[in-house]
Amino acid sequence: MSTVVRSEGPPLGGATPRVPSAAPDAIALWAALMAFVYLAFCWLAWDRTMLPDEIWALTHAERSWPEQIASIRADLVHPPLFYLLERAWIGIFGFSDFTAKLLPVLINLVAISLFPVLACRITKGWRIASVLFLTIYLHVFSTPNLVRMYGLVLLLTLASMWAWDRWRLRPTGGRLLTWTMIMSFAVMTHYFGALLLATYVLLAWGIAPKPKAIALASIVPALLFCAWVAYVFPIYAAHGLKANLGWVQPSLFLAMTVVPFHFLTTIPSGTNPIHADWWDALPARQLLLAAAMAVHVALVALAFWRKSLARTQRDWLVTLFAIACAPALMLAVASRIVGPAFDSRFLVGALPAYWLLIALLSDLGGRPGAMLLRAVIAPAALLAVILPLSHDLFESPLRQAVTHIVEEYKPGDIVMSDNNGTQAYWELRRAGLTLPWAFVPTMSHYSWLAAPATIPDRAWVFCRGDCNATIRGLLRDHAMVRRHGEFLALFERQ
């Protein structure tokens, strides 16, 4: 279990790096422990309600190939790799709530297990760094746990850092090819991959032994990304980004100031269907944002109090700082040029580098740095895991409403919903109930679920408060006979 020193040959100007590492059995044991904790959390949170973005992608994965590609193209802000992986996955293992949720779990397990392998090469505090990285996944509605591309982005960023380090230590053609393949997958998974690719090209001219080789290898993923941008550009030219990013904070300054807090606690998810995300209800939120910034500044100041760094430490410090920060700066510039597009969620791929950077800065800060990590940063991250659990594990009222329908439906019943009923639609499918369903007015993503010309005698309606005018018009011959919670009402023909 003792720490050892490993050398992999002369990478930089003939200098032999001294890389802190650990015995393989210690790494394997710690990775297995992290995986076990994550699986236990998944078991606890397995019955969560899917979010609309997840359901949208899943329902299109079972449509025809041209329909799916058209919907992906209209998405604009997400390249297609994860959607295609999702299609292949449900084609092999079947289409259900269980199989859909299993895909990100397996991806996340690989990332959680790989992190200690890389961390032990960088920092003496690789164990605590692994725990802090794990906290990203210990939120019910954290982005990597969604049936979306964010978990894959984290894995590919982590794999790219491992491949980059291996190539930098021994720049062979095979290792460069591995890095190129990983980056090709990354740019086709999320736009963060393009920011990451640009970051590596900049890094190559500073600390890589063969910067021209990296520049040439980057052409392959760059061309793939440009081909996808060219494919979706007509949609952007016609509609712009507002339809996809209308929810993004319009103030770039406010969007950037919240990033240190979100990185320290977790990247925010979409929306918890039960309650607002936990940080939105915290008292003195502006004070907490300022405190998060102060913690980061203090950690950096303690690290740079030292007068000299070993070359390996310096190279890793530059690498991690670049991957953690450069994509945010590039996204900020793009947001200024194209329009509001800056959100912490789009930087989720930077989190492996971020937590490795935090651990390395703690090493360099000596005893004060270690105390700051263990007494402030780690408790904050763990507290952020604990605080929202009571709310996020609460059973969705939508699921309660679906249970009510399952118990009382009659042959001939129909289910109707306004455009906020995507989750209820999925919950009915999850319950195995195949009642006719209609979105009113029809949603473009669910055009096959249009309301029939005549409404049967009984209609279950999902909508908050009063239904919209279109639904009320279709139900003019019906009267509400029962209300279940704030979502569900039963209408019967008079």
Protein backbone atom coordinates (compact mmCIF):
# COMPACT_ATOMS: atom_id res chain seq x y z
CA MET A 1 0.00 0.00 0.00
CA SER A 2 3.00 2.34 0.21
CA THR A 3 3.60 5.09 -2.28
CA VAL A 4 6.24 4.28 -4.88
CA VAL A 5 8.03 6.30 -7.54
CA ARG A 6 7.76 5.23 -11.15
CA SER A 7 9.64 6.44 -14.21
CA GLU A 8 8.50 6.01 -17.81
CA GLY A 9 11.49 7.28 -19.73
CA PRO A 10 12.64 10.72 -20.79
CA PRO A 11 9.72 12.73 -22.12
CA LEU A 12 10.62 16.41 -21.99
CA GLY A 13 14.01 17.50 -23.15
CA GLY A 14 15.52 14.31 -21.74
CA ALA A 15 14.28 14.96 -18.20
CA THR A 16 13.12 11.87 -16.35
CA PRO A 17 9.92 12.54 -14.45
CA ARG A 18 9.36 11.29 -10.96
CA VAL A 19 5.69 10.40 -10.89
CA PRO A 20 4.01 9.75 -7.53
CA SER A 21 2.12 6.51 -7.75
CA ALA A 22 0.76 3.71 -5.60
CA ALA A 23 0.78 -0.06 -5.55
CA PRO A 24 -1.66 -1.57 -8.09
CA ASP A 25 -3.56 -3.45 -5.38
CA ALA A 26 -4.10 -0.20 -3.45
CA ILE A 27 -5.44 1.52 -6.58
CA ALA A 28 -7.70 -1.43 -7.44
CA LEU A 29 -9.05 -1.63 -3.90
CA TRP A 30 -9.81 2.08 -3.76
CA ALA A 31 -11.44 2.06 -7.21
CA ALA A 32 -13.59 -0.90 -6.15
CA LEU A 33 -14.65 0.97 -2.99
CA MET A 34 -15.62 4.05 -5.02
CA ALA A 35 -17.58 1.86 -7.45
CA PHE A 36 -19.38 0.14 -4.58
CA VAL A 37 -20.42 3.48 -3.05
CA TYR A 38 -21.72 4.64 -6.42
CA LEU A 39 -23.70 1.44 -7.00
CA ALA A 40 -25.22 1.73 -3.52
CA PHE A 41 -26.28 5.28 -4.35
CA CYS A 42 -27.76 4.14 -7.69
CA TRP A 43 -29.81 1.52 -5.85
CA LEU A 44 -31.09 4.23 -3.49
CA ALA A 45 -31.98 6.65 -6.29
CA TRP A 46 -33.05 4.19 -8.99
CA ASP A 47 -36.75 5.09 -8.94
CA ARG A 48 -36.21 8.74 -9.79
CA THR A 49 -38.48 10.28 -12.41
CA MET A 50 -36.92 10.83 -15.82
CA LEU A 51 -36.50 14.45 -16.93
CA PRO A 52 -38.06 15.78 -20.17
CA ASP A 53 -34.73 15.99 -22.03
CA GLU A 54 -34.02 12.33 -21.26
CA ILE A 55 -37.49 11.27 -22.39
CA TRP A 56 -37.25 13.31 -25.58
CA ALA A 57 -34.06 11.51 -26.60
CA LEU A 58 -35.35 8.07 -25.62
CA THR A 59 -38.60 8.36 -27.54
CA HIS A 60 -36.72 9.44 -30.65
CA ALA A 61 -34.30 6.55 -30.28
CA GLU A 62 -37.20 4.20 -31.03
CA ARG A 63 -38.40 6.18 -34.05
CA SER A 64 -37.14 5.62 -37.58
CA TRP A 65 -33.54 6.48 -38.40
CA PRO A 66 -34.41 9.60 -40.53
CA GLU A 67 -36.73 10.89 -37.78
CA GLN A 68 -34.06 10.50 -35.12
CA ILE A 69 -31.38 12.21 -37.20
CA ALA A 70 -33.75 15.09 -37.98
CA SER A 71 -34.52 15.56 -34.27
CA ILE A 72 -30.81 15.43 -33.36
CA ARG A 73 -30.05 18.01 -36.00
CA ALA A 74 -32.71 20.30 -34.57
CA ASP A 75 -31.11 19.96 -31.12
CA LEU A 76 -28.20 22.15 -32.36
CA VAL A 77 -26.18 22.13 -29.15
CA HIS A 78 -25.45 18.40 -28.85
CA PRO A 79 -23.53 16.33 -31.42
CA PRO A 80 -24.96 12.87 -32.17
CA LEU A 81 -22.64 10.22 -30.68
CA PHE A 82 -24.51 9.58 -27.44
CA TYR A 83 -27.88 9.54 -29.22
CA LEU A 84 -26.59 6.87 -31.61
CA LEU A 85 -25.10 4.89 -28.72
CA GLU A 86 -28.47 5.13 -26.99
CA ARG A 87 -30.23 3.80 -30.09
CA ALA A 88 -27.86 0.85 -30.35
CA TRP A 89 -28.17 0.15 -26.61
CA ILE A 90 -31.96 -0.09 -26.53
CA GLY A 91 -31.89 -2.02 -29.80
CA ILE A 92 -29.78 -4.71 -28.12
CA PHE A 93 -31.10 -4.70 -24.56
CA GLY A 94 -34.66 -3.52 -25.03
CA PHE A 95 -36.57 -0.32 -24.32
CA SER A 96 -37.47 0.25 -20.69
CA ASP A 97 -36.87 2.58 -17.78
CA PHE A 98 -34.37 0.07 -16.35
CA THR A 99 -32.28 -0.43 -19.49
CA ALA A 100 -32.25 3.32 -20.22
CA LYS A 101 -30.93 4.18 -16.75
CA LEU A 102 -28.38 1.35 -16.85
CA LEU A 103 -26.43 2.88 -19.74
CA PRO A 104 -25.11 5.96 -17.85
CA VAL A 105 -24.44 3.81 -14.77
CA LEU A 106 -22.01 1.61 -16.72
CA ILE A 107 -20.34 4.64 -18.30
CA ASN A 108 -19.98 6.28 -14.90
CA LEU A 109 -18.53 3.14 -13.32
CA VAL A 110 -15.71 3.16 -15.88
CA ALA A 111 -14.95 6.84 -15.17
CA ILE A 112 -15.06 6.36 -11.38
CA SER A 113 -12.71 3.37 -11.64
CA LEU A 114 -10.30 5.10 -14.04
CA PHE A 115 -9.95 8.27 -11.97
CA PRO A 116 -7.72 6.79 -9.19
CA VAL A 117 -5.43 5.30 -11.87
CA LEU A 118 -4.73 8.79 -13.19
CA ALA A 119 -4.91 10.60 -9.86
CA CYS A 120 -2.17 8.52 -8.24
CA ARG A 121 0.22 9.72 -10.97
CA ILE A 122 -0.43 13.34 -10.08
CA THR A 123 -1.04 13.84 -6.39
CA LYS A 124 -0.27 12.29 -3.04
CA GLY A 125 -3.87 12.97 -2.11
CA TRP A 126 -5.24 10.70 -4.84
CA ARG A 127 -7.64 9.01 -2.44
CA ILE A 128 -9.35 12.19 -1.29
CA ALA A 129 -9.31 13.45 -4.88
CA SER A 130 -11.17 10.27 -5.89
CA VAL A 131 -13.76 10.83 -3.17
CA LEU A 132 -14.30 14.42 -4.30
CA PHE A 133 -14.62 13.30 -7.91
CA LEU A 134 -17.14 10.70 -6.78
CA THR A 135 -19.36 13.40 -5.24
CA ILE A 136 -20.20 14.55 -8.77
CA TYR A 137 -22.18 11.33 -9.18
CA LEU A 138 -23.86 11.26 -5.76
CA HIS A 139 -26.73 13.58 -6.66
CA VAL A 140 -30.01 12.09 -7.85
CA PHE A 141 -30.39 14.58 -10.70
CA SER A 142 -26.70 15.28 -11.33
CA THR A 143 -25.94 15.56 -15.03
CA PRO A 144 -23.80 12.38 -15.28
CA ASN A 145 -26.68 10.33 -13.85
CA LEU A 146 -29.09 11.54 -16.52
CA VAL A 147 -29.66 9.42 -19.61
CA ARG A 148 -27.78 12.08 -21.53
CA MET A 149 -24.29 12.65 -22.86
CA TYR A 150 -22.72 14.27 -19.78
CA GLY A 151 -21.42 11.08 -18.17
CA LEU A 152 -19.77 10.12 -21.45
CA VAL A 153 -18.18 13.58 -21.67
CA LEU A 154 -16.64 13.08 -18.22
CA LEU A 155 -15.31 9.66 -19.17
CA LEU A 156 -13.83 10.86 -22.47
CA THR A 157 -12.16 13.86 -20.82
CA LEU A 158 -10.63 11.57 -18.22
CA ALA A 159 -9.52 9.10 -20.90
CA SER A 160 -8.05 11.92 -23.00
CA MET A 161 -5.98 13.12 -20.03
CA TRP A 162 -4.68 9.60 -19.44
CA ALA A 163 -3.84 9.17 -23.16
CA TRP A 164 -2.24 12.64 -23.29
CA ASP A 165 -0.02 11.84 -20.31
CA ARG A 166 1.01 8.47 -21.79
CA TRP A 167 1.88 10.05 -25.13
CA ARG A 168 3.72 12.96 -23.52
CA LEU A 169 5.90 10.56 -21.54
CA ARG A 170 6.61 8.37 -24.57
CA PRO A 171 5.45 9.95 -27.85
CA THR A 172 4.79 6.88 -30.01
CA GLY A 173 2.44 6.63 -32.97
CA GLY A 174 0.16 4.15 -31.20
CA ARG A 175 -0.31 6.41 -28.19
CA LEU A 176 -1.01 9.41 -30.41
CA LEU A 177 -3.58 7.37 -32.34
CA THR A 178 -5.30 6.46 -29.06
CA TRP A 179 -5.54 10.11 -28.05
CA THR A 180 -6.85 11.04 -31.52
CA MET A 181 -9.61 8.43 -31.35
CA ILE A 182 -10.67 9.57 -27.88
CA MET A 183 -10.82 13.19 -28.98
CA SER A 184 -12.80 12.23 -32.09
CA PHE A 185 -15.40 10.63 -29.84
CA ALA A 186 -15.32 13.66 -27.51
CA VAL A 187 -16.06 16.29 -30.17
CA MET A 188 -18.99 14.20 -31.43
CA THR A 189 -20.43 13.81 -27.92
CA HIS A 190 -20.65 17.39 -26.67
CA TYR A 191 -19.45 20.82 -27.70
CA PHE A 192 -17.15 20.75 -24.68
CA GLY A 193 -15.09 18.26 -26.70
CA ALA A 194 -14.25 20.99 -29.23
CA LEU A 195 -13.18 23.34 -26.42
CA LEU A 196 -11.07 20.53 -24.95
CA LEU A 197 -9.45 19.84 -28.33
CA ALA A 198 -8.47 23.51 -28.69
CA THR A 199 -7.05 23.41 -25.15
CA TYR A 200 -4.81 20.44 -25.97
CA VAL A 201 -3.50 22.16 -29.10
CA LEU A 202 -2.55 25.19 -27.01
CA LEU A 203 -0.96 22.95 -24.37
CA ALA A 204 1.08 21.09 -26.98
CA TRP A 205 3.11 24.18 -27.80
CA GLY A 206 3.97 24.68 -24.15
CA ILE A 207 4.74 21.30 -22.57
CA ALA A 208 4.51 18.58 -25.23
CA PRO A 209 7.64 17.07 -26.82
CA LYS A 210 6.20 17.07 -30.38
CA PRO A 211 3.68 19.88 -30.72
CA LYS A 212 3.40 19.52 -34.50
CA ALA A 213 2.34 15.89 -34.07
CA ILE A 214 -0.52 16.92 -31.79
CA ALA A 215 -1.52 19.69 -34.19
CA LEU A 216 -1.65 17.25 -37.11
CA ALA A 217 -3.48 14.60 -35.08
CA SER A 218 -6.05 17.22 -34.05
CA ILE A 219 -7.07 17.68 -37.67
CA VAL A 220 -9.09 14.43 -37.63
CA PRO A 221 -11.42 15.32 -34.71
CA ALA A 222 -11.52 18.95 -35.91
CA LEU A 223 -12.78 17.89 -39.34
CA LEU A 224 -15.40 15.62 -37.78
CA PHE A 225 -16.64 18.47 -35.63
CA CYS A 226 -16.68 20.94 -38.54
CA ALA A 227 -18.67 18.46 -40.64
CA TRP A 228 -21.33 18.28 -37.92
CA VAL A 229 -21.42 22.07 -37.53
CA ALA A 230 -21.90 22.41 -41.30
CA TYR A 231 -24.75 19.90 -41.13
CA VAL A 232 -26.65 21.77 -38.40
CA PHE A 233 -25.78 25.28 -39.59
CA PRO A 234 -28.93 25.70 -41.75
CA ILE A 235 -31.05 25.07 -38.63
CA TYR A 236 -29.01 27.63 -36.69
CA ALA A 237 -29.27 30.15 -39.53
CA ALA A 238 -33.05 29.72 -39.60
CA HIS A 239 -33.83 29.62 -35.89
CA GLY A 240 -30.74 30.71 -33.94
CA LEU A 241 -29.85 29.32 -30.53
CA LYS A 242 -32.71 30.83 -28.58
CA ALA A 243 -34.99 27.81 -28.97
CA ASN A 244 -32.29 25.57 -27.49
CA LEU A 245 -30.67 27.96 -25.03
CA GLY A 246 -33.46 30.28 -24.02
CA TRP A 247 -33.06 29.13 -20.41
CA VAL A 248 -29.38 30.22 -20.21
CA GLN A 249 -28.55 33.15 -17.90
CA PRO A 250 -28.35 36.17 -20.27
CA SER A 251 -25.77 37.94 -18.11
CA LEU A 252 -22.35 36.48 -18.87
CA PHE A 253 -20.91 38.00 -15.69
CA LEU A 254 -23.52 36.36 -13.45
CA ALA A 255 -23.16 33.04 -15.29
CA MET A 256 -19.39 33.04 -14.76
CA THR A 257 -19.46 34.07 -11.11
CA VAL A 258 -21.52 31.01 -10.17
CA VAL A 259 -19.06 28.52 -11.73
CA PRO A 260 -16.68 28.20 -8.72
CA PHE A 261 -19.66 27.43 -6.48
CA HIS A 262 -21.11 24.90 -8.92
CA PHE A 263 -17.72 23.23 -9.40
CA LEU A 264 -17.20 23.01 -5.66
CA THR A 265 -20.63 21.55 -4.94
CA THR A 266 -21.72 19.93 -8.22
CA ILE A 267 -22.71 20.87 -11.72
CA PRO A 268 -26.45 21.64 -11.71
CA SER A 269 -28.80 19.23 -13.41
CA GLY A 270 -31.81 20.06 -15.51
CA THR A 271 -34.69 20.47 -13.09
CA ASN A 272 -35.74 18.36 -10.18
CA PRO A 273 -39.39 17.56 -11.00
CA ILE A 274 -40.35 17.85 -7.32
CA HIS A 275 -38.43 20.84 -5.98
CA ALA A 276 -36.15 23.55 -7.29
CA ASP A 277 -32.47 22.66 -7.30
CA TRP A 278 -31.22 22.86 -3.75
CA TRP A 279 -28.82 25.80 -4.12
CA ASP A 280 -31.61 28.06 -5.37
CA ALA A 281 -33.19 27.95 -1.90
CA LEU A 282 -30.01 28.52 0.10
CA PRO A 283 -29.95 31.65 2.27
CA ALA A 284 -27.32 34.31 1.59
CA ARG A 285 -26.58 32.82 -1.82
CA GLN A 286 -24.41 35.73 -2.93
CA LEU A 287 -22.31 35.31 0.19
CA LEU A 288 -21.84 31.62 -0.60
CA LEU A 289 -20.74 32.44 -4.13
CA ALA A 290 -18.18 34.90 -2.76
CA ALA A 291 -16.99 32.32 -0.20
CA ALA A 292 -16.49 29.71 -2.96
CA MET A 293 -14.38 32.18 -4.93
CA ALA A 294 -12.34 33.04 -1.80
CA VAL A 295 -11.62 29.37 -1.11
CA HIS A 296 -10.22 28.90 -4.61
CA VAL A 297 -8.11 32.05 -4.41
CA ALA A 298 -6.72 30.99 -1.02
CA LEU A 299 -5.79 27.53 -2.32
CA VAL A 300 -3.96 28.99 -5.32
CA ALA A 301 -2.17 31.56 -3.13
CA LEU A 302 -0.96 28.85 -0.72
CA ALA A 303 0.30 26.71 -3.61
CA PHE A 304 2.27 29.51 -5.22
CA TRP A 305 3.79 30.59 -1.92
CA ARG A 306 6.47 28.00 -2.67
CA LYS A 307 9.43 29.39 -4.54
CA SER A 308 10.02 26.43 -6.88
CA LEU A 309 8.19 23.45 -8.34
CA ALA A 310 9.44 20.16 -9.68
CA ARG A 311 9.11 19.95 -13.44
CA THR A 312 6.51 17.19 -13.24
CA GLN A 313 4.45 19.24 -10.80
CA ARG A 314 4.71 22.28 -13.03
CA ASP A 315 3.67 20.38 -16.15
CA TRP A 316 0.67 18.81 -14.43
CA LEU A 317 -0.27 22.16 -12.90
CA VAL A 318 -0.28 23.79 -16.34
CA THR A 319 -2.19 20.88 -17.90
CA LEU A 320 -4.88 20.72 -15.23
CA PHE A 321 -5.29 24.49 -15.00
CA ALA A 322 -5.68 24.71 -18.78
CA ILE A 323 -8.30 21.93 -19.00
CA ALA A 324 -10.22 23.26 -15.99
CA CYS A 325 -10.21 26.93 -17.05
CA ALA A 326 -9.50 27.42 -20.77
CA PRO A 327 -12.82 25.88 -21.98
CA ALA A 328 -14.71 28.32 -19.73
CA LEU A 329 -12.84 31.27 -21.20
CA MET A 330 -13.43 30.05 -24.77
CA LEU A 331 -17.11 29.49 -24.03
CA ALA A 332 -17.34 33.00 -22.62
CA VAL A 333 -15.85 34.43 -25.82
CA ALA A 334 -18.24 32.35 -27.93
CA SER A 335 -21.13 33.56 -25.78
CA ARG A 336 -20.18 37.15 -26.52
CA ILE A 337 -19.95 36.50 -30.26
CA VAL A 338 -22.89 34.15 -30.87
CA GLY A 339 -25.25 34.94 -27.99
CA PRO A 340 -25.88 33.76 -24.41
CA ALA A 341 -24.48 30.21 -24.27
CA PHE A 342 -22.50 30.10 -21.02
CA ASP A 343 -23.69 27.70 -18.35
CA SER A 344 -21.86 25.56 -15.78
CA ARG A 345 -23.51 22.45 -17.22
CA PHE A 346 -21.65 22.90 -20.50
CA LEU A 347 -18.34 22.71 -18.59
CA VAL A 348 -19.07 19.37 -16.93
CA GLY A 349 -16.18 17.77 -18.83
CA ALA A 350 -13.71 19.97 -16.93
CA LEU A 351 -14.55 18.38 -13.57
CA PRO A 352 -11.92 15.57 -13.66
CA ALA A 353 -9.19 18.15 -14.23
CA TYR A 354 -10.76 20.47 -11.66
CA TRP A 355 -10.65 17.96 -8.79
CA LEU A 356 -7.15 16.82 -9.73
CA LEU A 357 -6.08 20.47 -9.77
CA ILE A 358 -7.62 21.06 -6.34
CA ALA A 359 -5.74 18.05 -4.92
CA LEU A 360 -2.45 19.10 -6.55
CA LEU A 361 -2.75 22.67 -5.29
CA SER A 362 -3.38 21.23 -1.84
CA ASP A 363 -0.14 19.23 -2.13
CA LEU A 364 1.78 22.32 -3.19
CA GLY A 365 0.25 24.39 -0.40
CA GLY A 366 1.86 22.20 2.26
CA ARG A 367 0.11 21.79 5.60
CA PRO A 368 -2.14 24.88 5.21
CA GLY A 369 -3.22 23.66 1.76
CA ALA A 370 -4.00 20.20 3.11
CA MET A 371 -6.02 21.71 5.96
CA LEU A 372 -8.02 23.86 3.54
CA LEU A 373 -8.79 20.81 1.42
CA ARG A 374 -9.81 18.59 4.32
CA ALA A 375 -11.46 21.13 6.61
CA VAL A 376 -13.30 23.31 4.06
CA ILE A 377 -13.43 21.92 0.52
CA ALA A 378 -14.16 18.28 1.27
CA PRO A 379 -16.88 19.06 3.86
CA ALA A 380 -18.51 21.52 1.43
CA ALA A 381 -18.61 18.92 -1.34
CA LEU A 382 -19.95 16.21 0.99
CA LEU A 383 -22.53 18.57 2.49
CA ALA A 384 -23.72 19.33 -1.03
CA VAL A 385 -24.35 15.60 -1.44
CA ILE A 386 -26.33 15.31 1.80
CA LEU A 387 -28.46 18.50 1.67
CA PRO A 388 -30.66 17.71 -1.36
CA LEU A 389 -31.19 14.00 -0.69
CA SER A 390 -34.37 14.34 1.36
CA HIS A 391 -36.00 16.30 -1.46
CA ASP A 392 -34.55 14.45 -4.44
CA LEU A 393 -35.52 11.01 -3.11
CA PHE A 394 -39.09 12.09 -2.46
CA GLU A 395 -41.58 10.23 -4.66
CA SER A 396 -42.76 12.31 -7.59
CA PRO A 397 -46.41 13.45 -7.42
CA LEU A 398 -46.52 12.58 -11.12
CA ARG A 399 -45.83 8.95 -10.24
CA GLN A 400 -48.51 9.07 -7.57
CA ALA A 401 -50.95 10.37 -10.18
CA VAL A 402 -49.99 7.61 -12.61
CA THR A 403 -50.58 5.02 -9.89
CA HIS A 404 -54.03 6.53 -9.44
CA ILE A 405 -54.79 6.06 -13.16
CA VAL A 406 -53.49 2.48 -13.17
CA GLU A 407 -55.85 1.61 -10.31
CA GLU A 408 -58.97 3.27 -11.74
CA TYR A 409 -58.80 3.41 -15.53
CA LYS A 410 -61.57 1.87 -17.64
CA PRO A 411 -61.44 0.57 -21.23
CA GLY A 412 -61.85 3.46 -23.65
CA ASP A 413 -60.20 6.04 -21.37
CA ILE A 414 -57.78 8.54 -22.88
CA VAL A 415 -54.97 10.56 -21.32
CA MET A 416 -54.41 14.18 -22.33
CA SER A 417 -51.73 16.65 -21.32
CA ASP A 418 -50.50 20.11 -21.97
CA ASN A 419 -46.90 20.51 -23.07
CA ASN A 420 -45.62 19.90 -19.55
CA GLY A 421 -46.77 16.28 -19.50
CA THR A 422 -43.69 14.58 -20.94
CA GLN A 423 -42.76 13.03 -17.61
CA ALA A 424 -46.29 11.78 -17.01
CA TYR A 425 -46.23 10.17 -20.48
CA TRP A 426 -43.05 8.30 -19.58
CA GLU A 427 -44.37 7.27 -16.17
CA LEU A 428 -47.43 5.69 -17.80
CA ARG A 429 -45.16 3.77 -20.17
CA ARG A 430 -43.02 2.74 -17.21
CA ALA A 431 -46.15 1.43 -15.46
CA GLY A 432 -46.99 -0.66 -18.52
CA LEU A 433 -50.26 1.15 -19.23
CA THR A 434 -50.94 1.69 -22.93
CA LEU A 435 -53.84 4.12 -22.82
CA PRO A 436 -54.21 6.42 -25.86
CA TRP A 437 -52.28 9.62 -25.15
CA ALA A 438 -52.51 13.11 -26.62
CA PHE A 439 -50.39 16.25 -26.19
CA VAL A 440 -52.58 19.33 -26.66
CA PRO A 441 -51.50 21.41 -28.42
CA THR A 442 -49.38 18.93 -30.35
CA MET A 443 -45.66 19.11 -29.60
CA SER A 444 -43.37 18.90 -32.62
CA HIS A 445 -41.28 16.25 -30.86
CA TYR A 446 -44.39 14.11 -30.21
CA SER A 447 -46.45 14.76 -33.34
CA TRP A 448 -47.68 11.16 -33.39
CA LEU A 449 -49.49 11.79 -30.07
CA ALA A 450 -52.15 14.13 -31.43
CA ALA A 451 -55.62 14.47 -29.90
CA PRO A 452 -58.38 12.47 -31.64
CA ALA A 453 -61.21 14.27 -33.41
CA THR A 454 -63.71 13.08 -30.80
CA ILE A 455 -62.96 12.63 -27.12
CA PRO A 456 -64.34 9.50 -25.38
CA ASP A 457 -66.56 9.67 -22.31
CA ARG A 458 -63.66 9.73 -19.83
CA ALA A 459 -60.40 11.66 -20.10
CA TRP A 460 -57.55 11.80 -17.60
CA VAL A 461 -55.86 15.18 -17.92
CA PHE A 462 -52.38 16.16 -16.72
CA CYS A 463 -51.90 19.89 -16.26
CA ARG A 464 -51.13 22.27 -13.43
CA GLY A 465 -54.09 24.37 -12.33
CA ASP A 466 -56.51 25.25 -15.12
CA CYS A 467 -55.86 23.50 -18.41
CA ASN A 468 -55.01 25.52 -21.50
CA ALA A 469 -57.75 26.82 -23.79
CA THR A 470 -57.25 24.10 -26.40
CA ILE A 471 -57.80 21.31 -23.88
CA ARG A 472 -60.82 23.11 -22.38
CA GLY A 473 -62.27 23.45 -25.87
CA LEU A 474 -61.93 19.74 -26.58
CA LEU A 475 -63.55 18.95 -23.24
CA ARG A 476 -66.50 21.35 -23.57
CA ASP A 477 -68.95 18.42 -23.21
CA HIS A 478 -67.11 17.09 -20.15
CA ALA A 479 -67.03 18.09 -16.50
CA MET A 480 -64.28 17.56 -13.96
CA VAL A 481 -65.41 14.87 -11.52
CA ARG A 482 -62.22 14.30 -9.60
CA ARG A 483 -58.94 16.06 -8.87
CA HIS A 484 -55.84 14.18 -7.73
CA GLY A 485 -53.12 16.48 -6.41
CA GLU A 486 -51.97 19.42 -8.48
CA PHE A 487 -51.34 17.51 -11.71
CA LEU A 488 -54.20 15.13 -12.49
CA ALA A 489 -57.94 15.54 -13.05
CA LEU A 490 -60.61 13.14 -14.35
CA PHE A 491 -63.18 14.53 -16.81
CA GLU A 492 -66.38 12.71 -17.75
CA ARG A 493 -68.93 13.51 -20.43
CA GLN A 494 -72.03 15.11 -18.96
